[in-house]
Amino acid sequence: MELYILIALIFIYVITAFAGNSLLTKRIWALAFLASFILMALSLSALKLDGEDVMLSAGQFNWYYFLYVFSALTVAIGAINIWIYRRQLWQLCQKDDSVSKE
């Protein structure tokens, strides 16, 4: 399933890179990053707050824990990146399409 999502995202990137201008491509992928960041943060918080037990075998639980830790690190790094690049993200949202031709 994840491989299909990766292939689809690469295909969408190629289409947006060749079909649209660079400002549109930057906006699309910045918004996609923000949306995925928010969804991951919400899902991790729901998982943490819900405290629901997961019925897994020992081998499956190791992978589940690994994915949970990786997702938590991704949320932390994403928050840091949003803070570091907040000015560029704000400028990207404020740019006019007719002025910016790269």
PDB file of N, CA and C in Angstrom:
ATOM      1  N   MET A   1       0.825  -1.195   0.000  1.00  0.00           N
ATOM      2  CA  MET A   1       0.000   0.000   0.000  1.00  0.00           C
ATOM      3  C   MET A   1       0.873   1.264   0.000  1.00  0.00           C
ATOM      4  N   GLU A   2       1.900   1.251   0.839  1.00  0.00           N
ATOM      5  CA  GLU A   2       2.768   2.422   0.928  1.00  0.00           C
ATOM      6  C   GLU A   2       3.532   2.651  -0.368  1.00  0.00           C
ATOM      7  N   LEU A   3       3.876   1.561  -1.043  1.00  0.00           N
ATOM      8  CA  LEU A   3       4.589   1.685  -2.309  1.00  0.00           C
ATOM      9  C   LEU A   3       3.708   2.370  -3.355  1.00  0.00           C
ATOM     10  N   TYR A   4       2.424   2.037  -3.372  1.00  0.00           N
ATOM     11  CA  TYR A   4       1.494   2.687  -4.298  1.00  0.00           C
ATOM     12  C   TYR A   4       1.368   4.179  -4.007  1.00  0.00           C
ATOM     13  N   ILE A   5       1.329   4.525  -2.731  1.00  0.00           N
ATOM     14  CA  ILE A   5       1.240   5.942  -2.361  1.00  0.00           C
ATOM     15  C   ILE A   5       2.497   6.682  -2.799  1.00  0.00           C
ATOM     16  N   LEU A   6       3.667   6.074  -2.585  1.00  0.00           N
ATOM     17  CA  LEU A   6       4.923   6.696  -2.999  1.00  0.00           C
ATOM     18  C   LEU A   6       4.976   6.883  -4.511  1.00  0.00           C
ATOM     19  N   ILE A   7       4.577   5.865  -5.260  1.00  0.00           N
ATOM     20  CA  ILE A   7       4.576   5.974  -6.728  1.00  0.00           C
ATOM     21  C   ILE A   7       3.598   7.046  -7.183  1.00  0.00           C
ATOM     22  N   ALA A   8       2.426   7.106  -6.553  1.00  0.00           N
ATOM     23  CA  ALA A   8       1.440   8.123  -6.921  1.00  0.00           C
ATOM     24  C   ALA A   8       1.962   9.527  -6.627  1.00  0.00           C
ATOM     25  N   LEU A   9       2.628   9.710  -5.482  1.00  0.00           N
ATOM     26  CA  LEU A   9       3.166  11.028  -5.152  1.00  0.00           C
ATOM     27  C   LEU A   9       4.283  11.439  -6.106  1.00  0.00           C
ATOM     28  N   ILE A  10       5.119  10.503  -6.495  1.00  0.00           N
ATOM     29  CA  ILE A  10       6.165  10.815  -7.475  1.00  0.00           C
ATOM     30  C   ILE A  10       5.542  11.197  -8.811  1.00  0.00           C
ATOM     31  N   PHE A  11       4.513  10.462  -9.218  1.00  0.00           N
ATOM     32  CA  PHE A  11       3.806  10.766 -10.465  1.00  0.00           C
ATOM     33  C   PHE A  11       3.154  12.148 -10.409  1.00  0.00           C
ATOM     34  N   ILE A  12       2.517  12.471  -9.294  1.00  0.00           N
ATOM     35  CA  ILE A  12       1.890  13.786  -9.137  1.00  0.00           C
ATOM     36  C   ILE A  12       2.950  14.882  -9.150  1.00  0.00           C
ATOM     37  N   TYR A  13       4.108  14.627  -8.520  1.00  0.00           N
ATOM     38  CA  TYR A  13       5.173  15.626  -8.543  1.00  0.00           C
ATOM     39  C   TYR A  13       5.666  15.885  -9.958  1.00  0.00           C
ATOM     40  N   VAL A  14       5.854  14.829 -10.731  1.00  0.00           N
ATOM     41  CA  VAL A  14       6.326  14.991 -12.110  1.00  0.00           C
ATOM     42  C   VAL A  14       5.311  15.791 -12.920  1.00  0.00           C
ATOM     43  N   ILE A  15       4.030  15.492 -12.736  1.00  0.00           N
ATOM     44  CA  ILE A  15       2.995  16.226 -13.469  1.00  0.00           C
ATOM     45  C   ILE A  15       2.991  17.700 -13.066  1.00  0.00           C
ATOM     46  N   THR A  16       3.046  17.984 -11.768  1.00  0.00           N
ATOM     47  CA  THR A  16       3.019  19.382 -11.339  1.00  0.00           C
ATOM     48  C   THR A  16       4.302  20.118 -11.719  1.00  0.00           C
ATOM     49  N   ALA A  17       5.427  19.409 -11.766  1.00  0.00           N
ATOM     50  CA  ALA A  17       6.685  20.070 -12.123  1.00  0.00           C
ATOM     51  C   ALA A  17       6.698  20.482 -13.592  1.00  0.00           C
ATOM     52  N   PHE A  18       6.108  19.674 -14.448  1.00  0.00           N
ATOM     53  CA  PHE A  18       6.130  19.993 -15.874  1.00  0.00           C
ATOM     54  C   PHE A  18       4.909  20.780 -16.333  1.00  0.00           C
ATOM     55  N   ALA A  19       3.770  20.611 -15.662  1.00  0.00           N
ATOM     56  CA  ALA A  19       2.541  21.250 -16.128  1.00  0.00           C
ATOM     57  C   ALA A  19       2.351  22.660 -15.565  1.00  0.00           C
ATOM     58  N   GLY A  20       2.811  22.885 -14.348  1.00  0.00           N
ATOM     59  CA  GLY A  20       2.581  24.187 -13.723  1.00  0.00           C
ATOM     60  C   GLY A  20       3.868  24.956 -13.547  1.00  0.00           C
ATOM     61  N   ASN A  21       3.708  26.186 -13.098  1.00  0.00           N
ATOM     62  CA  ASN A  21       4.912  26.972 -12.820  1.00  0.00           C
ATOM     63  C   ASN A  21       5.491  26.571 -11.461  1.00  0.00           C
ATOM     64  N   SER A  22       6.679  27.038 -11.177  1.00  0.00           N
ATOM     65  CA  SER A  22       7.369  26.590  -9.961  1.00  0.00           C
ATOM     66  C   SER A  22       6.679  27.088  -8.694  1.00  0.00           C
ATOM     67  N   LEU A  23       6.057  28.254  -8.736  1.00  0.00           N
ATOM     68  CA  LEU A  23       5.351  28.762  -7.561  1.00  0.00           C
ATOM     69  C   LEU A  23       4.169  27.860  -7.210  1.00  0.00           C
ATOM     70  N   LEU A  24       3.431  27.422  -8.230  1.00  0.00           N
ATOM     71  CA  LEU A  24       2.309  26.520  -8.003  1.00  0.00           C
ATOM     72  C   LEU A  24       2.787  25.194  -7.429  1.00  0.00           C
ATOM     73  N   THR A  25       3.876  24.678  -7.959  1.00  0.00           N
ATOM     74  CA  THR A  25       4.429  23.423  -7.451  1.00  0.00           C
ATOM     75  C   THR A  25       4.863  23.568  -5.995  1.00  0.00           C
ATOM     76  N   LYS A  26       5.523  24.670  -5.675  1.00  0.00           N
ATOM     77  CA  LYS A  26       5.947  24.895  -4.290  1.00  0.00           C
ATOM     78  C   LYS A  26       4.751  25.012  -3.353  1.00  0.00           C
ATOM     79  N   ARG A  27       3.712  25.694  -3.805  1.00  0.00           N
ATOM     80  CA  ARG A  27       2.518  25.844  -2.967  1.00  0.00           C
ATOM     81  C   ARG A  27       1.836  24.501  -2.726  1.00  0.00           C
ATOM     82  N   ILE A  28       1.706  23.718  -3.776  1.00  0.00           N
ATOM     83  CA  ILE A  28       1.040  22.419  -3.642  1.00  0.00           C
ATOM     84  C   ILE A  28       1.779  21.534  -2.645  1.00  0.00           C
ATOM     85  N   TRP A  29       3.094  21.455  -2.762  1.00  0.00           N
ATOM     86  CA  TRP A  29       3.844  20.546  -1.907  1.00  0.00           C
ATOM     87  C   TRP A  29       4.024  21.101  -0.500  1.00  0.00           C
ATOM     88  N   ALA A  30       4.052  22.403  -0.336  1.00  0.00           N
ATOM     89  CA  ALA A  30       4.085  22.972   1.016  1.00  0.00           C
ATOM     90  C   ALA A  30       2.769  22.709   1.736  1.00  0.00           C
ATOM     91  N   LEU A  31       1.660  22.862   1.034  1.00  0.00           N
ATOM     92  CA  LEU A  31       0.361  22.569   1.636  1.00  0.00           C
ATOM     93  C   LEU A  31       0.196  21.073   1.907  1.00  0.00           C
ATOM     94  N   ALA A  32       0.735  20.234   1.033  1.00  0.00           N
ATOM     95  CA  ALA A  32       0.681  18.785   1.269  1.00  0.00           C
ATOM     96  C   ALA A  32       1.489  18.417   2.511  1.00  0.00           C
ATOM     97  N   PHE A  33       2.657  19.045   2.678  1.00  0.00           N
ATOM     98  CA  PHE A  33       3.453  18.789   3.868  1.00  0.00           C
ATOM     99  C   PHE A  33       2.710  19.228   5.127  1.00  0.00           C
ATOM    100  N   LEU A  34       2.135  20.409   5.097  1.00  0.00           N
ATOM    101  CA  LEU A  34       1.410  20.902   6.269  1.00  0.00           C
ATOM    102  C   LEU A  34       0.212  20.021   6.594  1.00  0.00           C
ATOM    103  N   ALA A  35      -0.523  19.579   5.569  1.00  0.00           N
ATOM    104  CA  ALA A  35      -1.679  18.719   5.804  1.00  0.00           C
ATOM    105  C   ALA A  35      -1.256  17.372   6.380  1.00  0.00           C
ATOM    106  N   SER A  36      -0.212  16.776   5.831  1.00  0.00           N
ATOM    107  CA  SER A  36       0.241  15.480   6.359  1.00  0.00           C
ATOM    108  C   SER A  36       0.817  15.630   7.763  1.00  0.00           C
ATOM    109  N   PHE A  37       1.480  16.746   8.024  1.00  0.00           N
ATOM    110  CA  PHE A  37       2.002  17.005   9.366  1.00  0.00           C
ATOM    111  C   PHE A  37       0.869  17.111  10.380  1.00  0.00           C
ATOM    112  N   ILE A  38      -0.178  17.841  10.033  1.00  0.00           N
ATOM    113  CA  ILE A  38      -1.305  18.007  10.947  1.00  0.00           C
ATOM    114  C   ILE A  38      -2.027  16.680  11.158  1.00  0.00           C
ATOM    115  N   LEU A  39      -2.230  15.915  10.094  1.00  0.00           N
ATOM    116  CA  LEU A  39      -2.889  14.616  10.237  1.00  0.00           C
ATOM    117  C   LEU A  39      -2.081  13.649  11.094  1.00  0.00           C
ATOM    118  N   MET A  40      -0.767  13.637  10.909  1.00  0.00           N
ATOM    119  CA  MET A  40       0.061  12.747  11.711  1.00  0.00           C
ATOM    120  C   MET A  40       0.057  13.178  13.171  1.00  0.00           C
ATOM    121  N   ALA A  41       0.127  14.460  13.430  1.00  0.00           N
ATOM    122  CA  ALA A  41       0.094  14.938  14.812  1.00  0.00           C
ATOM    123  C   ALA A  41      -1.245  14.613  15.468  1.00  0.00           C
ATOM    124  N   LEU A  42      -2.343  14.776  14.739  1.00  0.00           N
ATOM    125  CA  LEU A  42      -3.655  14.445  15.298  1.00  0.00           C
ATOM    126  C   LEU A  42      -3.811  12.954  15.545  1.00  0.00           C
ATOM    127  N   SER A  43      -3.334  12.136  14.621  1.00  0.00           N
ATOM    128  CA  SER A  43      -3.466  10.689  14.814  1.00  0.00           C
ATOM    129  C   SER A  43      -2.600  10.197  15.965  1.00  0.00           C
ATOM    130  N   LEU A  44      -1.396  10.756  16.105  1.00  0.00           N
ATOM    131  CA  LEU A  44      -0.555  10.362  17.240  1.00  0.00           C
ATOM    132  C   LEU A  44      -1.151  10.817  18.569  1.00  0.00           C
ATOM    133  N   SER A  45      -1.725  12.014  18.586  1.00  0.00           N
ATOM    134  CA  SER A  45      -2.336  12.477  19.829  1.00  0.00           C
ATOM    135  C   SER A  45      -3.569  11.642  20.166  1.00  0.00           C
ATOM    136  N   ALA A  46      -4.359  11.247  19.165  1.00  0.00           N
ATOM    137  CA  ALA A  46      -5.517  10.389  19.424  1.00  0.00           C
ATOM    138  C   ALA A  46      -5.069   9.025  19.919  1.00  0.00           C
ATOM    139  N   LEU A  47      -4.001   8.501  19.352  1.00  0.00           N
ATOM    140  CA  LEU A  47      -3.476   7.212  19.791  1.00  0.00           C
ATOM    141  C   LEU A  47      -2.964   7.291  21.224  1.00  0.00           C
ATOM    142  N   LYS A  48      -2.304   8.386  21.543  1.00  0.00           N
ATOM    143  CA  LYS A  48      -1.753   8.553  22.893  1.00  0.00           C
ATOM    144  C   LYS A  48      -2.861   8.808  23.914  1.00  0.00           C
ATOM    145  N   LEU A  49      -3.821   9.642  23.578  1.00  0.00           N
ATOM    146  CA  LEU A  49      -4.887   9.987  24.523  1.00  0.00           C
ATOM    147  C   LEU A  49      -5.907   8.873  24.686  1.00  0.00           C
ATOM    148  N   ASP A  50      -6.155   8.112  23.611  1.00  0.00           N
ATOM    149  CA  ASP A  50      -7.150   7.050  23.663  1.00  0.00           C
ATOM    150  C   ASP A  50      -6.695   5.914  24.572  1.00  0.00           C
ATOM    151  N   GLY A  51      -5.419   5.578  24.505  1.00  0.00           N
ATOM    152  CA  GLY A  51      -4.864   4.530  25.361  1.00  0.00           C
ATOM    153  C   GLY A  51      -5.455   3.164  25.089  1.00  0.00           C
ATOM    154  N   GLU A  52      -5.916   2.933  23.871  1.00  0.00           N
ATOM    155  CA  GLU A  52      -6.538   1.667  23.525  1.00  0.00           C
ATOM    156  C   GLU A  52      -5.468   0.588  23.375  1.00  0.00           C
ATOM    157  N   ASP A  53      -5.749  -0.593  23.882  1.00  0.00           N
ATOM    158  CA  ASP A  53      -4.820  -1.707  23.743  1.00  0.00           C
ATOM    159  C   ASP A  53      -4.847  -2.223  22.315  1.00  0.00           C
ATOM    160  N   VAL A  54      -3.707  -2.671  21.861  1.00  0.00           N
ATOM    161  CA  VAL A  54      -3.585  -3.196  20.513  1.00  0.00           C
ATOM    162  C   VAL A  54      -3.289  -4.677  20.611  1.00  0.00           C
ATOM    163  N   MET A  55      -4.080  -5.488  19.936  1.00  0.00           N
ATOM    164  CA  MET A  55      -3.901  -6.941  19.961  1.00  0.00           C
ATOM    165  C   MET A  55      -2.932  -7.339  18.853  1.00  0.00           C
ATOM    166  N   LEU A  56      -1.667  -7.473  19.186  1.00  0.00           N
ATOM    167  CA  LEU A  56      -0.652  -7.846  18.220  1.00  0.00           C
ATOM    168  C   LEU A  56       0.232  -8.940  18.816  1.00  0.00           C
ATOM    169  N   SER A  57       0.871  -9.702  17.941  1.00  0.00           N
ATOM    170  CA  SER A  57       1.870 -10.648  18.409  1.00  0.00           C
ATOM    171  C   SER A  57       3.150  -9.891  18.734  1.00  0.00           C
ATOM    172  N   ALA A  58       4.102 -10.575  19.357  1.00  0.00           N
ATOM    173  CA  ALA A  58       5.341  -9.906  19.778  1.00  0.00           C
ATOM    174  C   ALA A  58       6.108  -9.366  18.578  1.00  0.00           C
ATOM    175  N   GLY A  59       6.168 -10.115  17.477  1.00  0.00           N
ATOM    176  CA  GLY A  59       6.876  -9.658  16.285  1.00  0.00           C
ATOM    177  C   GLY A  59       6.223  -8.446  15.647  1.00  0.00           C
ATOM    178  N   GLN A  60       4.905  -8.427  15.619  1.00  0.00           N
ATOM    179  CA  GLN A  60       4.194  -7.294  15.059  1.00  0.00           C
ATOM    180  C   GLN A  60       4.295  -6.071  15.960  1.00  0.00           C
ATOM    181  N   PHE A  61       4.351  -6.285  17.255  1.00  0.00           N
ATOM    182  CA  PHE A  61       4.416  -5.168  18.187  1.00  0.00           C
ATOM    183  C   PHE A  61       5.725  -4.400  18.045  1.00  0.00           C
ATOM    184  N   ASN A  62       6.815  -5.099  17.742  1.00  0.00           N
ATOM    185  CA  ASN A  62       8.090  -4.411  17.530  1.00  0.00           C
ATOM    186  C   ASN A  62       7.986  -3.434  16.366  1.00  0.00           C
ATOM    187  N   TRP A  63       7.360  -3.830  15.265  1.00  0.00           N
ATOM    188  CA  TRP A  63       7.193  -2.946  14.120  1.00  0.00           C
ATOM    189  C   TRP A  63       6.242  -1.802  14.442  1.00  0.00           C
ATOM    190  N   TYR A  64       5.192  -2.110  15.205  1.00  0.00           N
ATOM    191  CA  TYR A  64       4.231  -1.085  15.591  1.00  0.00           C
ATOM    192  C   TYR A  64       4.923  -0.021  16.447  1.00  0.00           C
ATOM    193  N   TYR A  65       5.739  -0.438  17.388  1.00  0.00           N
ATOM    194  CA  TYR A  65       6.456   0.502  18.239  1.00  0.00           C
ATOM    195  C   TYR A  65       7.458   1.312  17.423  1.00  0.00           C
ATOM    196  N   PHE A  66       8.144   0.662  16.496  1.00  0.00           N
ATOM    197  CA  PHE A  66       9.095   1.353  15.626  1.00  0.00           C
ATOM    198  C   PHE A  66       8.386   2.431  14.810  1.00  0.00           C
ATOM    199  N   LEU A  67       7.226   2.105  14.242  1.00  0.00           N
ATOM    200  CA  LEU A  67       6.475   3.093  13.467  1.00  0.00           C
ATOM    201  C   LEU A  67       5.974   4.225  14.345  1.00  0.00           C
ATOM    202  N   TYR A  68       5.570   3.911  15.569  1.00  0.00           N
ATOM    203  CA  TYR A  68       5.103   4.943  16.485  1.00  0.00           C
ATOM    204  C   TYR A  68       6.233   5.916  16.828  1.00  0.00           C
ATOM    205  N   VAL A  69       7.404   5.383  17.136  1.00  0.00           N
ATOM    206  CA  VAL A  69       8.554   6.232  17.473  1.00  0.00           C
ATOM    207  C   VAL A  69       8.966   7.066  16.263  1.00  0.00           C
ATOM    208  N   PHE A  70       8.993   6.447  15.082  1.00  0.00           N
ATOM    209  CA  PHE A  70       9.348   7.178  13.867  1.00  0.00           C
ATOM    210  C   PHE A  70       8.346   8.292  13.597  1.00  0.00           C
ATOM    211  N   SER A  71       7.069   8.013  13.783  1.00  0.00           N
ATOM    212  CA  SER A  71       6.046   9.044  13.569  1.00  0.00           C
ATOM    213  C   SER A  71       6.188  10.183  14.568  1.00  0.00           C
ATOM    214  N   ALA A  72       6.498   9.853  15.812  1.00  0.00           N
ATOM    215  CA  ALA A  72       6.683  10.893  16.820  1.00  0.00           C
ATOM    216  C   ALA A  72       7.895  11.764  16.484  1.00  0.00           C
ATOM    217  N   LEU A  73       8.978  11.149  16.021  1.00  0.00           N
ATOM    218  CA  LEU A  73      10.151  11.923  15.610  1.00  0.00           C
ATOM    219  C   LEU A  73       9.837  12.788  14.394  1.00  0.00           C
ATOM    220  N   THR A  74       9.043  12.257  13.479  1.00  0.00           N
ATOM    221  CA  THR A  74       8.665  13.028  12.297  1.00  0.00           C
ATOM    222  C   THR A  74       7.854  14.253  12.676  1.00  0.00           C
ATOM    223  N   VAL A  75       6.948  14.107  13.628  1.00  0.00           N
ATOM    224  CA  VAL A  75       6.159  15.249  14.080  1.00  0.00           C
ATOM    225  C   VAL A  75       7.059  16.288  14.737  1.00  0.00           C
ATOM    226  N   ALA A  76       8.003  15.841  15.548  1.00  0.00           N
ATOM    227  CA  ALA A  76       8.916  16.782  16.212  1.00  0.00           C
ATOM    228  C   ALA A  76       9.791  17.510  15.189  1.00  0.00           C
ATOM    229  N   ILE A  77      10.349  16.771  14.242  1.00  0.00           N
ATOM    230  CA  ILE A  77      11.195  17.392  13.220  1.00  0.00           C
ATOM    231  C   ILE A  77      10.363  18.297  12.319  1.00  0.00           C
ATOM    232  N   GLY A  78       9.137  17.893  12.009  1.00  0.00           N
ATOM    233  CA  GLY A  78       8.250  18.731  11.206  1.00  0.00           C
ATOM    234  C   GLY A  78       7.926  20.040  11.899  1.00  0.00           C
ATOM    235  N   ALA A  79       7.690  19.985  13.204  1.00  0.00           N
ATOM    236  CA  ALA A  79       7.412  21.209  13.955  1.00  0.00           C
ATOM    237  C   ALA A  79       8.621  22.139  13.933  1.00  0.00           C
ATOM    238  N   ILE A  80       9.802  21.572  14.072  1.00  0.00           N
ATOM    239  CA  ILE A  80      11.026  22.381  14.015  1.00  0.00           C
ATOM    240  C   ILE A  80      11.190  22.996  12.627  1.00  0.00           C
ATOM    241  N   ASN A  81      10.938  22.204  11.570  1.00  0.00           N
ATOM    242  CA  ASN A  81      11.058  22.725  10.206  1.00  0.00           C
ATOM    243  C   ASN A  81      10.045  23.821   9.923  1.00  0.00           C
ATOM    244  N   ILE A  82       8.827  23.643  10.412  1.00  0.00           N
ATOM    245  CA  ILE A  82       7.823  24.693  10.214  1.00  0.00           C
ATOM    246  C   ILE A  82       8.266  25.969  10.919  1.00  0.00           C
ATOM    247  N   TRP A  83       8.830  25.840  12.117  1.00  0.00           N
ATOM    248  CA  TRP A  83       9.293  27.018  12.839  1.00  0.00           C
ATOM    249  C   TRP A  83      10.473  27.680  12.121  1.00  0.00           C
ATOM    250  N   ILE A  84      11.412  26.893  11.639  1.00  0.00           N
ATOM    251  CA  ILE A  84      12.590  27.445  10.972  1.00  0.00           C
ATOM    252  C   ILE A  84      12.201  28.123   9.657  1.00  0.00           C
ATOM    253  N   TYR A  85      11.334  27.497   8.896  1.00  0.00           N
ATOM    254  CA  TYR A  85      10.982  28.014   7.577  1.00  0.00           C
ATOM    255  C   TYR A  85       9.643  28.743   7.570  1.00  0.00           C
ATOM    256  N   ARG A  86       9.213  29.271   8.701  1.00  0.00           N
ATOM    257  CA  ARG A  86       7.910  29.945   8.781  1.00  0.00           C
ATOM    258  C   ARG A  86       7.862  31.174   7.880  1.00  0.00           C
ATOM    259  N   ARG A  87       8.941  31.916   7.785  1.00  0.00           N
ATOM    260  CA  ARG A  87       8.953  33.113   6.944  1.00  0.00           C
ATOM    261  C   ARG A  87       8.836  32.742   5.467  1.00  0.00           C
ATOM    262  N   GLN A  88       9.570  31.710   5.043  1.00  0.00           N
ATOM    263  CA  GLN A  88       9.495  31.289   3.652  1.00  0.00           C
ATOM    264  C   GLN A  88       8.111  30.732   3.316  1.00  0.00           C
ATOM    265  N   LEU A  89       7.509  29.986   4.244  1.00  0.00           N
ATOM    266  CA  LEU A  89       6.154  29.477   4.006  1.00  0.00           C
ATOM    267  C   LEU A  89       5.155  30.622   3.916  1.00  0.00           C
ATOM    268  N   TRP A  90       5.306  31.612   4.772  1.00  0.00           N
ATOM    269  CA  TRP A  90       4.404  32.768   4.734  1.00  0.00           C
ATOM    270  C   TRP A  90       4.575  33.539   3.425  1.00  0.00           C
ATOM    271  N   GLN A  91       5.823  33.741   3.000  1.00  0.00           N
ATOM    272  CA  GLN A  91       6.074  34.439   1.743  1.00  0.00           C
ATOM    273  C   GLN A  91       5.548  33.644   0.553  1.00  0.00           C
ATOM    274  N   LEU A  92       5.657  32.327   0.633  1.00  0.00           N
ATOM    275  CA  LEU A  92       5.151  31.481  -0.442  1.00  0.00           C
ATOM    276  C   LEU A  92       3.639  31.625  -0.584  1.00  0.00           C
ATOM    277  N   CYS A  93       2.950  31.740   0.527  1.00  0.00           N
ATOM    278  CA  CYS A  93       1.492  31.912   0.486  1.00  0.00           C
ATOM    279  C   CYS A  93       1.099  33.312   0.031  1.00  0.00           C
ATOM    280  N   GLN A  94       1.949  34.304   0.235  1.00  0.00           N
ATOM    281  CA  GLN A  94       1.615  35.690  -0.084  1.00  0.00           C
ATOM    282  C   GLN A  94       2.035  36.112  -1.487  1.00  0.00           C
ATOM    283  N   LYS A  95       2.883  35.339  -2.166  1.00  0.00           N
ATOM    284  CA  LYS A  95       3.365  35.732  -3.487  1.00  0.00           C
ATOM    285  C   LYS A  95       2.227  35.772  -4.487  1.00  0.00           C
ATOM    286  N   ASP A  96       2.366  36.693  -5.433  1.00  0.00           N
ATOM    287  CA  ASP A  96       1.398  36.814  -6.513  1.00  0.00           C
ATOM    288  C   ASP A  96       1.876  35.969  -7.684  1.00  0.00           C
ATOM    289  N   ASP A  97       0.971  35.252  -8.326  1.00  0.00           N
ATOM    290  CA  ASP A  97       1.345  34.386  -9.440  1.00  0.00           C
ATOM    291  C   ASP A  97       1.876  35.155 -10.636  1.00  0.00           C
ATOM    292  N   SER A  98       1.358  36.345 -10.876  1.00  0.00           N
ATOM    293  CA  SER A  98       1.776  37.108 -12.066  1.00  0.00           C
ATOM    294  C   SER A  98       3.165  37.726 -11.896  1.00  0.00           C
ATOM    295  N   VAL A  99       3.577  37.995 -10.650  1.00  0.00           N
ATOM    296  CA  VAL A  99       4.865  38.627 -10.410  1.00  0.00           C
ATOM    297  C   VAL A  99       5.991  37.608 -10.449  1.00  0.00           C
ATOM    298  N   SER A 100       5.759  36.427  -9.897  1.00  0.00           N
ATOM    299  CA  SER A 100       6.814  35.436  -9.768  1.00  0.00           C
ATOM    300  C   SER A 100       6.875  34.541 -10.985  1.00  0.00           C
ATOM    301  N   LYS A 101       7.904  34.701 -11.794  1.00  0.00           N
ATOM    302  CA  LYS A 101       8.175  33.823 -12.925  1.00  0.00           C
ATOM    303  C   LYS A 101       9.617  33.352 -12.801  1.00  0.00           C
ATOM    304  N   GLU A 102       9.769  32.102 -12.339  1.00  0.00           N
ATOM    305  CA  GLU A 102      11.124  31.571 -12.153  1.00  0.00           C
ATOM    306  C   GLU A 102      11.538  30.714 -13.305  1.00  0.00           C
TER     307      GLU A 102
END
